[in-house]
């Protein structure tokens, strides 16, 4: 995703689809990539937390993209 607005829309759609042990990877362009975006790691994390998820992994996908993996909090997983 390239914008906070799009990220918020996608989180609203995708967060409810997660299985209890599933994960949702979100990727955004790094600042040094030159790709126009209003996203940073902090903003991606903020949007994910606001959607009720928690990040548990970070990844440098390549020279352009970074990623965070979000999951359902352990205390909120249905057993």
PDB file of N, CA and C in Angstrom:
ATOM      1  N   UNK A   1       0.843  -1.179   0.000  1.00  0.00           N
ATOM      2  CA  UNK A   1       0.000   0.000   0.000  1.00  0.00           C
ATOM      3  C   UNK A   1       0.887   1.242   0.000  1.00  0.00           C
ATOM      4  N   UNK A   2       0.334   2.328  -0.489  1.00  0.00           N
ATOM      5  CA  UNK A   2       1.120   3.557  -0.603  1.00  0.00           C
ATOM      6  C   UNK A   2       0.560   4.724   0.201  1.00  0.00           C
ATOM      7  N   UNK A   3      -0.639   4.573   0.774  1.00  0.00           N
ATOM      8  CA  UNK A   3      -1.208   5.689   1.530  1.00  0.00           C
ATOM      9  C   UNK A   3      -1.861   5.191   2.817  1.00  0.00           C
ATOM     10  N   UNK A   4      -1.877   6.074   3.794  1.00  0.00           N
ATOM     11  CA  UNK A   4      -2.512   5.732   5.069  1.00  0.00           C
ATOM     12  C   UNK A   4      -3.994   5.429   4.872  1.00  0.00           C
ATOM     13  N   UNK A   5      -4.652   6.214   4.045  1.00  0.00           N
ATOM     14  CA  UNK A   5      -6.081   6.007   3.813  1.00  0.00           C
ATOM     15  C   UNK A   5      -6.341   4.603   3.268  1.00  0.00           C
ATOM     16  N   UNK A   6      -5.560   4.191   2.279  1.00  0.00           N
ATOM     17  CA  UNK A   6      -5.718   2.857   1.700  1.00  0.00           C
ATOM     18  C   UNK A   6      -5.393   1.783   2.740  1.00  0.00           C
ATOM     19  N   UNK A   7      -4.362   2.013   3.534  1.00  0.00           N
ATOM     20  CA  UNK A   7      -3.992   1.062   4.578  1.00  0.00           C
ATOM     21  C   UNK A   7      -5.130   0.888   5.578  1.00  0.00           C
ATOM     22  N   UNK A   8      -5.731   1.974   6.011  1.00  0.00           N
ATOM     23  CA  UNK A   8      -6.848   1.896   6.959  1.00  0.00           C
ATOM     24  C   UNK A   8      -8.018   1.128   6.352  1.00  0.00           C
ATOM     25  N   UNK A   9      -8.301   1.354   5.072  1.00  0.00           N
ATOM     26  CA  UNK A   9      -9.378   0.626   4.395  1.00  0.00           C
ATOM     27  C   UNK A   9      -9.076  -0.866   4.334  1.00  0.00           C
ATOM     28  N   UNK A  10      -7.857  -1.207   3.979  1.00  0.00           N
ATOM     29  CA  UNK A  10      -7.479  -2.616   3.856  1.00  0.00           C
ATOM     30  C   UNK A  10      -7.459  -3.313   5.213  1.00  0.00           C
ATOM     31  N   UNK A  11      -6.999  -2.634   6.242  1.00  0.00           N
ATOM     32  CA  UNK A  11      -7.024  -3.242   7.574  1.00  0.00           C
ATOM     33  C   UNK A  11      -8.457  -3.531   7.980  1.00  0.00           C
ATOM     34  N   UNK A  12      -9.362  -2.610   7.713  1.00  0.00           N
ATOM     35  CA  UNK A  12     -10.764  -2.824   8.054  1.00  0.00           C
ATOM     36  C   UNK A  12     -11.308  -4.066   7.350  1.00  0.00           C
ATOM     37  N   UNK A  13     -10.887  -4.286   6.108  1.00  0.00           N
ATOM     38  CA  UNK A  13     -11.352  -5.453   5.339  1.00  0.00           C
ATOM     39  C   UNK A  13     -10.670  -6.744   5.765  1.00  0.00           C
ATOM     40  N   UNK A  14      -9.381  -6.689   5.976  1.00  0.00           N
ATOM     41  CA  UNK A  14      -8.593  -7.911   6.157  1.00  0.00           C
ATOM     42  C   UNK A  14      -8.485  -8.389   7.604  1.00  0.00           C
ATOM     43  N   UNK A  15      -8.486  -7.506   8.574  1.00  0.00           N
ATOM     44  CA  UNK A  15      -8.270  -7.910   9.972  1.00  0.00           C
ATOM     45  C   UNK A  15      -9.308  -8.928  10.432  1.00  0.00           C
ATOM     46  N   UNK A  16     -10.543  -8.752  10.038  1.00  0.00           N
ATOM     47  CA  UNK A  16     -11.606  -9.674  10.437  1.00  0.00           C
ATOM     48  C   UNK A  16     -11.529 -11.028   9.756  1.00  0.00           C
ATOM     49  N   UNK A  17     -10.725 -11.153   8.739  1.00  0.00           N
ATOM     50  CA  UNK A  17     -10.577 -12.411   8.007  1.00  0.00           C
ATOM     51  C   UNK A  17      -9.499 -13.316   8.597  1.00  0.00           C
ATOM     52  N   UNK A  18      -8.720 -12.795   9.527  1.00  0.00           N
ATOM     53  CA  UNK A  18      -7.607 -13.567  10.079  1.00  0.00           C
ATOM     54  C   UNK A  18      -8.097 -14.763  10.880  1.00  0.00           C
ATOM     55  N   UNK A  19      -7.448 -15.892  10.674  1.00  0.00           N
ATOM     56  CA  UNK A  19      -7.688 -17.064  11.511  1.00  0.00           C
ATOM     57  C   UNK A  19      -6.902 -16.859  12.801  1.00  0.00           C
ATOM     58  N   UNK A  20      -7.276 -17.553  13.879  1.00  0.00           N
ATOM     59  CA  UNK A  20      -6.602 -17.335  15.166  1.00  0.00           C
ATOM     60  C   UNK A  20      -5.079 -17.441  15.113  1.00  0.00           C
ATOM     61  N   UNK A  21      -4.552 -18.326  14.304  1.00  0.00           N
ATOM     62  CA  UNK A  21      -3.094 -18.475  14.224  1.00  0.00           C
ATOM     63  C   UNK A  21      -2.520 -17.865  12.950  1.00  0.00           C
ATOM     64  N   UNK A  22      -3.337 -17.111  12.229  1.00  0.00           N
ATOM     65  CA  UNK A  22      -2.894 -16.509  10.975  1.00  0.00           C
ATOM     66  C   UNK A  22      -2.139 -15.207  11.180  1.00  0.00           C
ATOM     67  N   UNK A  23      -1.615 -14.687  10.093  1.00  0.00           N
ATOM     68  CA  UNK A  23      -0.899 -13.427  10.130  1.00  0.00           C
ATOM     69  C   UNK A  23      -1.210 -12.599   8.897  1.00  0.00           C
ATOM     70  N   UNK A  24      -1.056 -11.305   9.013  1.00  0.00           N
ATOM     71  CA  UNK A  24      -1.299 -10.367   7.925  1.00  0.00           C
ATOM     72  C   UNK A  24      -0.035  -9.539   7.718  1.00  0.00           C
ATOM     73  N   UNK A  25       0.610  -9.728   6.572  1.00  0.00           N
ATOM     74  CA  UNK A  25       1.799  -8.941   6.236  1.00  0.00           C
ATOM     75  C   UNK A  25       1.368  -7.655   5.548  1.00  0.00           C
ATOM     76  N   UNK A  26       1.951  -6.553   5.976  1.00  0.00           N
ATOM     77  CA  UNK A  26       1.708  -5.247   5.363  1.00  0.00           C
ATOM     78  C   UNK A  26       3.056  -4.695   4.918  1.00  0.00           C
ATOM     79  N   UNK A  27       3.142  -4.322   3.648  1.00  0.00           N
ATOM     80  CA  UNK A  27       4.387  -3.778   3.097  1.00  0.00           C
ATOM     81  C   UNK A  27       4.177  -2.337   2.645  1.00  0.00           C
ATOM     82  N   UNK A  28       5.224  -1.552   2.780  1.00  0.00           N
ATOM     83  CA  UNK A  28       5.206  -0.148   2.361  1.00  0.00           C
ATOM     84  C   UNK A  28       6.597   0.207   1.859  1.00  0.00           C
ATOM     85  N   UNK A  29       6.709   1.222   1.013  1.00  0.00           N
ATOM     86  CA  UNK A  29       8.021   1.608   0.485  1.00  0.00           C
ATOM     87  C   UNK A  29       8.880   2.302   1.542  1.00  0.00           C
ATOM     88  N   UNK A  30      10.142   1.943   1.556  1.00  0.00           N
ATOM     89  CA  UNK A  30      11.096   2.585   2.461  1.00  0.00           C
ATOM     90  C   UNK A  30      11.275   4.051   2.068  1.00  0.00           C
ATOM     91  N   UNK A  31      11.653   4.867   3.025  1.00  0.00           N
ATOM     92  CA  UNK A  31      11.872   6.294   2.752  1.00  0.00           C
ATOM     93  C   UNK A  31      12.903   6.496   1.648  1.00  0.00           C
ATOM     94  N   UNK A  32      13.978   5.726   1.683  1.00  0.00           N
ATOM     95  CA  UNK A  32      15.071   5.882   0.716  1.00  0.00           C
ATOM     96  C   UNK A  32      14.727   5.358  -0.675  1.00  0.00           C
ATOM     97  N   UNK A  33      13.553   4.746  -0.833  1.00  0.00           N
ATOM     98  CA  UNK A  33      13.195   4.144  -2.123  1.00  0.00           C
ATOM     99  C   UNK A  33      12.850   5.179  -3.187  1.00  0.00           C
ATOM    100  N   UNK A  34      12.435   6.363  -2.760  1.00  0.00           N
ATOM    101  CA  UNK A  34      12.008   7.376  -3.712  1.00  0.00           C
ATOM    102  C   UNK A  34      10.557   7.228  -4.142  1.00  0.00           C
ATOM    103  N   UNK A  35       9.873   6.194  -3.656  1.00  0.00           N
ATOM    104  CA  UNK A  35       8.456   5.990  -3.970  1.00  0.00           C
ATOM    105  C   UNK A  35       7.640   6.950  -3.105  1.00  0.00           C
ATOM    106  N   UNK A  36       6.720   7.663  -3.735  1.00  0.00           N
ATOM    107  CA  UNK A  36       5.909   8.639  -3.014  1.00  0.00           C
ATOM    108  C   UNK A  36       4.899   7.914  -2.120  1.00  0.00           C
ATOM    109  N   UNK A  37       4.954   8.208  -0.821  1.00  0.00           N
ATOM    110  CA  UNK A  37       4.056   7.591   0.149  1.00  0.00           C
ATOM    111  C   UNK A  37       3.978   8.454   1.396  1.00  0.00           C
ATOM    112  N   UNK A  38       2.901   8.311   2.133  1.00  0.00           N
ATOM    113  CA  UNK A  38       2.808   8.978   3.433  1.00  0.00           C
ATOM    114  C   UNK A  38       2.955   7.967   4.571  1.00  0.00           C
ATOM    115  N   UNK A  39       3.410   6.761   4.253  1.00  0.00           N
ATOM    116  CA  UNK A  39       3.548   5.708   5.253  1.00  0.00           C
ATOM    117  C   UNK A  39       4.971   5.596   5.786  1.00  0.00           C
ATOM    118  N   UNK A  40       5.054   5.264   7.058  1.00  0.00           N
ATOM    119  CA  UNK A  40       6.308   4.913   7.717  1.00  0.00           C
ATOM    120  C   UNK A  40       6.021   3.676   8.562  1.00  0.00           C
ATOM    121  N   UNK A  41       7.058   3.070   9.092  1.00  0.00           N
ATOM    122  CA  UNK A  41       6.848   1.912   9.971  1.00  0.00           C
ATOM    123  C   UNK A  41       5.958   2.288  11.156  1.00  0.00           C
ATOM    124  N   UNK A  42       6.174   3.459  11.719  1.00  0.00           N
ATOM    125  CA  UNK A  42       5.371   3.887  12.871  1.00  0.00           C
ATOM    126  C   UNK A  42       3.896   4.040  12.514  1.00  0.00           C
ATOM    127  N   UNK A  43       3.611   4.588  11.343  1.00  0.00           N
ATOM    128  CA  UNK A  43       2.218   4.761  10.920  1.00  0.00           C
ATOM    129  C   UNK A  43       1.573   3.408  10.661  1.00  0.00           C
ATOM    130  N   UNK A  44       2.288   2.512   9.994  1.00  0.00           N
ATOM    131  CA  UNK A  44       1.746   1.174   9.733  1.00  0.00           C
ATOM    132  C   UNK A  44       1.427   0.484  11.060  1.00  0.00           C
ATOM    133  N   UNK A  45       2.339   0.560  12.008  1.00  0.00           N
ATOM    134  CA  UNK A  45       2.111  -0.060  13.326  1.00  0.00           C
ATOM    135  C   UNK A  45       0.906   0.583  14.015  1.00  0.00           C
ATOM    136  N   UNK A  46       0.817   1.898  13.975  1.00  0.00           N
ATOM    137  CA  UNK A  46      -0.295   2.617  14.604  1.00  0.00           C
ATOM    138  C   UNK A  46      -1.641   2.167  14.034  1.00  0.00           C
ATOM    139  N   UNK A  47      -1.729   2.051  12.721  1.00  0.00           N
ATOM    140  CA  UNK A  47      -2.974   1.632  12.074  1.00  0.00           C
ATOM    141  C   UNK A  47      -3.299   0.182  12.447  1.00  0.00           C
ATOM    142  N   UNK A  48      -2.293  -0.676  12.462  1.00  0.00           N
ATOM    143  CA  UNK A  48      -2.517  -2.072  12.838  1.00  0.00           C
ATOM    144  C   UNK A  48      -2.996  -2.219  14.271  1.00  0.00           C
ATOM    145  N   UNK A  49      -2.373  -1.495  15.181  1.00  0.00           N
ATOM    146  CA  UNK A  49      -2.787  -1.550  16.584  1.00  0.00           C
ATOM    147  C   UNK A  49      -4.207  -1.021  16.752  1.00  0.00           C
ATOM    148  N   UNK A  50      -4.542   0.039  16.029  1.00  0.00           N
ATOM    149  CA  UNK A  50      -5.893   0.601  16.091  1.00  0.00           C
ATOM    150  C   UNK A  50      -6.933  -0.387  15.571  1.00  0.00           C
ATOM    151  N   UNK A  51      -6.509  -1.289  14.692  1.00  0.00           N
ATOM    152  CA  UNK A  51      -7.412  -2.310  14.149  1.00  0.00           C
ATOM    153  C   UNK A  51      -7.527  -3.512  15.082  1.00  0.00           C
ATOM    154  N   UNK A  52      -6.836  -3.465  16.226  1.00  0.00           N
ATOM    155  CA  UNK A  52      -6.937  -4.535  17.202  1.00  0.00           C
ATOM    156  C   UNK A  52      -5.915  -5.644  17.043  1.00  0.00           C
ATOM    157  N   UNK A  53      -4.945  -5.440  16.175  1.00  0.00           N
ATOM    158  CA  UNK A  53      -3.909  -6.445  15.968  1.00  0.00           C
ATOM    159  C   UNK A  53      -2.613  -5.989  16.627  1.00  0.00           C
ATOM    160  N   UNK A  54      -1.626  -6.886  16.652  1.00  0.00           N
ATOM    161  CA  UNK A  54      -0.319  -6.552  17.200  1.00  0.00           C
ATOM    162  C   UNK A  54       0.741  -7.041  16.217  1.00  0.00           C
ATOM    163  N   UNK A  55       1.807  -6.259  16.054  1.00  0.00           N
ATOM    164  CA  UNK A  55       2.874  -6.678  15.140  1.00  0.00           C
ATOM    165  C   UNK A  55       3.829  -7.607  15.878  1.00  0.00           C
ATOM    166  N   UNK A  56       4.309  -8.635  15.154  1.00  0.00           N
ATOM    167  CA  UNK A  56       5.227  -9.577  15.793  1.00  0.00           C
ATOM    168  C   UNK A  56       6.459  -9.892  14.953  1.00  0.00           C
ATOM    169  N   UNK A  57       6.542  -9.373  13.742  1.00  0.00           N
ATOM    170  CA  UNK A  57       7.727  -9.576  12.906  1.00  0.00           C
ATOM    171  C   UNK A  57       7.912  -8.357  12.011  1.00  0.00           C
ATOM    172  N   UNK A  58       9.166  -8.074  11.694  1.00  0.00           N
ATOM    173  CA  UNK A  58       9.498  -7.006  10.758  1.00  0.00           C
ATOM    174  C   UNK A  58      10.411  -7.596   9.700  1.00  0.00           C
ATOM    175  N   UNK A  59      10.324  -7.079   8.487  1.00  0.00           N
ATOM    176  CA  UNK A  59      11.085  -7.665   7.386  1.00  0.00           C
ATOM    177  C   UNK A  59      11.511  -6.580   6.401  1.00  0.00           C
ATOM    178  N   UNK A  60      12.760  -6.665   5.950  1.00  0.00           N
ATOM    179  CA  UNK A  60      13.215  -5.865   4.816  1.00  0.00           C
ATOM    180  C   UNK A  60      13.004  -6.750   3.592  1.00  0.00           C
ATOM    181  N   UNK A  61      11.938  -6.504   2.851  1.00  0.00           N
ATOM    182  CA  UNK A  61      11.588  -7.349   1.709  1.00  0.00           C
ATOM    183  C   UNK A  61      12.665  -7.252   0.636  1.00  0.00           C
ATOM    184  N   UNK A  62      13.033  -6.028   0.302  1.00  0.00           N
ATOM    185  CA  UNK A  62      14.110  -5.771  -0.659  1.00  0.00           C
ATOM    186  C   UNK A  62      14.578  -4.337  -0.460  1.00  0.00           C
ATOM    187  N   UNK A  63      15.267  -3.777  -1.432  1.00  0.00           N
ATOM    188  CA  UNK A  63      15.781  -2.410  -1.291  1.00  0.00           C
ATOM    189  C   UNK A  63      14.678  -1.358  -1.256  1.00  0.00           C
ATOM    190  N   UNK A  64      13.505  -1.705  -1.766  1.00  0.00           N
ATOM    191  CA  UNK A  64      12.406  -0.752  -1.851  1.00  0.00           C
ATOM    192  C   UNK A  64      11.377  -0.921  -0.745  1.00  0.00           C
ATOM    193  N   UNK A  65      11.072  -2.145  -0.363  1.00  0.00           N
ATOM    194  CA  UNK A  65       9.943  -2.438   0.508  1.00  0.00           C
ATOM    195  C   UNK A  65      10.352  -2.972   1.872  1.00  0.00           C
ATOM    196  N   UNK A  66       9.600  -2.542   2.892  1.00  0.00           N
ATOM    197  CA  UNK A  66       9.681  -3.084   4.248  1.00  0.00           C
ATOM    198  C   UNK A  66       8.332  -3.703   4.578  1.00  0.00           C
ATOM    199  N   UNK A  67       8.304  -4.571   5.574  1.00  0.00           N
ATOM    200  CA  UNK A  67       7.044  -5.204   5.943  1.00  0.00           C
ATOM    201  C   UNK A  67       6.925  -5.440   7.434  1.00  0.00           C
ATOM    202  N   UNK A  68       5.689  -5.451   7.916  1.00  0.00           N
ATOM    203  CA  UNK A  68       5.359  -5.827   9.288  1.00  0.00           C
ATOM    204  C   UNK A  68       4.295  -6.910   9.228  1.00  0.00           C
ATOM    205  N   UNK A  69       4.417  -7.887  10.106  1.00  0.00           N
ATOM    206  CA  UNK A  69       3.413  -8.948  10.204  1.00  0.00           C
ATOM    207  C   UNK A  69       2.554  -8.664  11.431  1.00  0.00           C
ATOM    208  N   UNK A  70       1.247  -8.724  11.245  1.00  0.00           N
ATOM    209  CA  UNK A  70       0.292  -8.496  12.323  1.00  0.00           C
ATOM    210  C   UNK A  70      -0.475  -9.774  12.614  1.00  0.00           C
ATOM    211  N   UNK A  71      -0.777  -9.968  13.888  1.00  0.00           N
ATOM    212  CA  UNK A  71      -1.527 -11.138  14.336  1.00  0.00           C
ATOM    213  C   UNK A  71      -2.563 -10.698  15.364  1.00  0.00           C
ATOM    214  N   UNK A  72      -3.488 -11.602  15.646  1.00  0.00           N
ATOM    215  CA  UNK A  72      -4.449 -11.384  16.723  1.00  0.00           C
ATOM    216  C   UNK A  72      -3.710 -11.569  18.047  1.00  0.00           C
ATOM    217  N   UNK A  73      -3.959 -10.702  18.993  1.00  0.00           N
ATOM    218  CA  UNK A  73      -3.316 -10.821  20.309  1.00  0.00           C
ATOM    219  C   UNK A  73      -3.658 -12.174  20.934  1.00  0.00           C
ATOM    220  N   UNK A  74      -2.685 -12.771  21.610  1.00  0.00           N
ATOM    221  CA  UNK A  74      -2.888 -14.080  22.240  1.00  0.00           C
ATOM    222  C   UNK A  74      -4.116 -14.092  23.137  1.00  0.00           C
ATOM    223  N   UNK A  75      -4.297 -13.058  23.936  1.00  0.00           N
ATOM    224  CA  UNK A  75      -5.416 -13.001  24.874  1.00  0.00           C
ATOM    225  C   UNK A  75      -6.769 -12.929  24.173  1.00  0.00           C
ATOM    226  N   UNK A  76      -6.776 -12.547  22.895  1.00  0.00           N
ATOM    227  CA  UNK A  76      -8.029 -12.375  22.167  1.00  0.00           C
ATOM    228  C   UNK A  76      -8.309 -13.501  21.175  1.00  0.00           C
ATOM    229  N   UNK A  77      -7.417 -14.475  21.107  1.00  0.00           N
ATOM    230  CA  UNK A  77      -7.619 -15.588  20.173  1.00  0.00           C
ATOM    231  C   UNK A  77      -8.665 -16.548  20.715  1.00  0.00           C
ATOM    232  N   UNK A  78      -9.572 -16.948  19.835  1.00  0.00           N
ATOM    233  CA  UNK A  78     -10.580 -17.940  20.211  1.00  0.00           C
ATOM    234  C   UNK A  78      -9.924 -19.306  20.228  1.00  0.00           C
ATOM    235  N   UNK A  79     -10.242 -20.055  21.234  1.00  0.00           N
ATOM    236  CA  UNK A  79      -9.636 -21.388  21.363  1.00  0.00           C
ATOM    237  C   UNK A  79     -10.573 -22.473  20.934  1.00  0.00           C
TER     238      UNK A  79
END
